[in-house]
Each structure stands twice: as structure tokens, then as C-alpha cells.
Amino acid sequence: MASSNPDVAAEPRRLARPWWRDLPGWLLLWTLAAVALASTCSDRRRLQGLSPGERAALYQRTSDEFRTLCEGPHARDFLLRCREQARFLRDFPECDEACRARLTPWR
């Protein structure tokens, strides 16, 4: 039985795209996610590897830099840097509830 609509009959059938054609894109996406996760975990491991005195000094220095750069009148000019610093400060055990509250706007 022939189709009554000539446009449908003339249109060639489209095959579904093979799954393996999307494989490189998925592999790239998963690789980037793994690199980001490894980077985050390595920063935390490095902080834990420092002596308590070194870690406290680094925390103080980073906190002071954050206060100067990100809590001043030109904070929006350094948006990416401030977010990065806030993320880094949250990894310190010295960052208590008051510290985390201070960093909340930079999520």
C-alpha cells in the first residue's frame, strides 16, 4: 500500500546514530571530571601533610589576602580569584563556622 502523502514517501529513512560515535565526547567529559576531582583531593592531602604550625601560618596568610582582596571595595574585579581563595580556605581545618559564613557569598 503506497503512502498518500508524497513528502513522506520521498523522505529517506534516517538511521539512529551509532553509540560509539559519542564515545570520544563522553571519554573527554569523564577525563575532565576525574582531573578536577583529583586536583581538589590533592590540595586537601597537601594541607593535611603540613605541620600544624605551617598550616596555621598558611591559613592566616591566605585569610588575610582574602580579606584584603575580596572583602574590599574592588572585590567584584577579582571574582574568579576570590572564589578560588574561598574554596581553598574552606579546606583548612582552621576554617570554623564564622569562617565558612564569611565565605558563603563566594560559592
Protein backbone atom coordinates (compact mmCIF):
# COMPACT_ATOMS: atom_id res chain seq x y z
CA MET A 1 0.00 0.00 0.00
CA ALA A 2 1.50 3.33 -1.08
CA SER A 3 1.59 6.36 1.15
CA SER A 4 -0.93 9.05 0.25
CA ASN A 5 1.48 11.80 1.31
CA PRO A 6 4.22 12.18 -1.33
CA ASP A 7 6.58 14.05 1.08
CA VAL A 8 6.67 11.08 3.48
CA ALA A 9 7.35 8.63 0.68
CA ALA A 10 10.17 10.75 -0.78
CA GLU A 11 11.92 11.33 2.56
CA PRO A 12 14.73 8.82 3.12
CA ARG A 13 14.81 6.86 6.35
CA ARG A 14 17.21 8.22 8.94
CA LEU A 15 19.19 5.72 10.90
CA ALA A 16 19.93 6.20 14.56
CA ARG A 17 23.43 7.45 15.29
CA PRO A 18 25.71 4.61 16.48
CA TRP A 19 26.60 4.81 20.19
CA TRP A 20 30.32 4.61 19.53
CA ARG A 21 30.31 7.96 17.72
CA ASP A 22 29.57 9.71 21.01
CA LEU A 23 32.26 7.76 22.87
CA PRO A 24 35.14 10.29 22.41
CA GLY A 25 33.00 13.10 23.81
CA TRP A 26 31.97 11.04 26.84
CA LEU A 27 35.56 9.96 27.45
CA LEU A 28 36.71 13.58 27.37
CA LEU A 29 33.96 14.62 29.77
CA TRP A 30 34.79 11.85 32.28
CA THR A 31 38.52 12.57 32.00
CA LEU A 32 37.99 16.25 32.80
CA ALA A 33 35.78 15.33 35.77
CA ALA A 34 38.44 12.94 37.08
CA VAL A 35 41.17 15.58 36.75
CA ALA A 36 39.06 18.14 38.63
CA LEU A 37 38.34 15.66 41.41
CA ALA A 38 41.98 14.61 41.69
CA SER A 39 43.08 18.25 41.84
CA THR A 40 40.66 19.02 44.65
CA CYS A 41 41.66 15.94 46.63
CA SER A 42 45.38 16.61 46.17
CA ASP A 43 45.05 20.11 47.67
CA ARG A 44 43.39 18.64 50.74
CA ARG A 45 46.06 15.95 51.07
CA ARG A 46 48.81 18.57 50.81
CA LEU A 47 47.17 20.65 53.56
CA GLN A 48 46.93 17.61 55.80
CA GLY A 49 50.61 16.86 55.14
CA LEU A 50 51.75 20.21 56.53
CA SER A 51 52.74 20.56 60.13
CA PRO A 52 50.11 22.31 62.28
CA GLY A 53 52.31 25.42 62.56
CA GLU A 54 52.90 25.64 58.81
CA ARG A 55 49.24 25.03 58.07
CA ALA A 56 48.14 27.72 60.55
CA ALA A 57 50.58 30.22 59.02
CA LEU A 58 49.36 29.42 55.50
CA TYR A 59 45.74 29.73 56.65
CA GLN A 60 46.42 33.11 58.26
CA ARG A 61 48.24 34.43 55.21
CA THR A 62 45.52 33.20 52.83
CA SER A 63 42.78 34.55 55.09
CA ASP A 64 44.45 37.97 55.25
CA GLU A 65 44.86 38.05 51.47
CA PHE A 66 41.19 37.07 51.05
CA ARG A 67 40.10 39.82 53.45
CA THR A 68 42.16 42.45 51.61
CA LEU A 69 41.24 41.39 48.11
CA CYS A 70 37.71 40.01 48.43
CA GLU A 71 36.11 41.98 51.23
CA GLY A 72 37.16 45.38 49.96
CA PRO A 73 35.55 47.81 47.54
CA HIS A 74 37.10 46.17 44.43
CA ALA A 75 36.10 42.58 45.25
CA ARG A 76 33.97 42.17 42.10
CA ASP A 77 37.04 42.92 39.97
CA PHE A 78 38.62 39.73 41.31
CA LEU A 79 35.59 37.44 41.19
CA LEU A 80 37.35 34.29 39.96
CA ARG A 81 40.33 34.73 42.27
CA CYS A 82 38.07 35.31 45.28
CA ARG A 83 36.04 32.19 44.53
CA GLU A 84 39.23 30.17 44.22
CA GLN A 85 40.57 31.57 47.51
CA ALA A 86 37.25 30.88 49.28
CA ARG A 87 37.27 27.29 48.04
CA PHE A 88 40.84 26.88 49.26
CA LEU A 89 40.12 28.41 52.68
CA ARG A 90 37.18 26.03 53.22
CA ASP A 91 39.60 23.08 53.02
CA PHE A 92 41.51 24.19 56.13
CA PRO A 93 40.55 22.58 59.43
CA GLU A 94 41.09 26.04 60.96
CA CYS A 95 38.13 27.40 58.96
CA ASP A 96 35.36 27.33 61.59
CA GLU A 97 31.68 28.27 61.29
CA ALA A 98 32.44 32.01 61.32
CA CYS A 99 34.99 31.49 58.55
CA ARG A 100 32.52 29.46 56.47
CA ALA A 101 29.83 32.10 56.94
CA ARG A 102 32.28 34.73 55.69
CA LEU A 103 32.96 32.62 52.59
CA THR A 104 29.32 31.81 51.77
CA PRO A 105 28.83 34.69 49.27
CA TRP A 106 31.72 33.32 47.19
CA ARG A 107 30.22 29.92 46.35
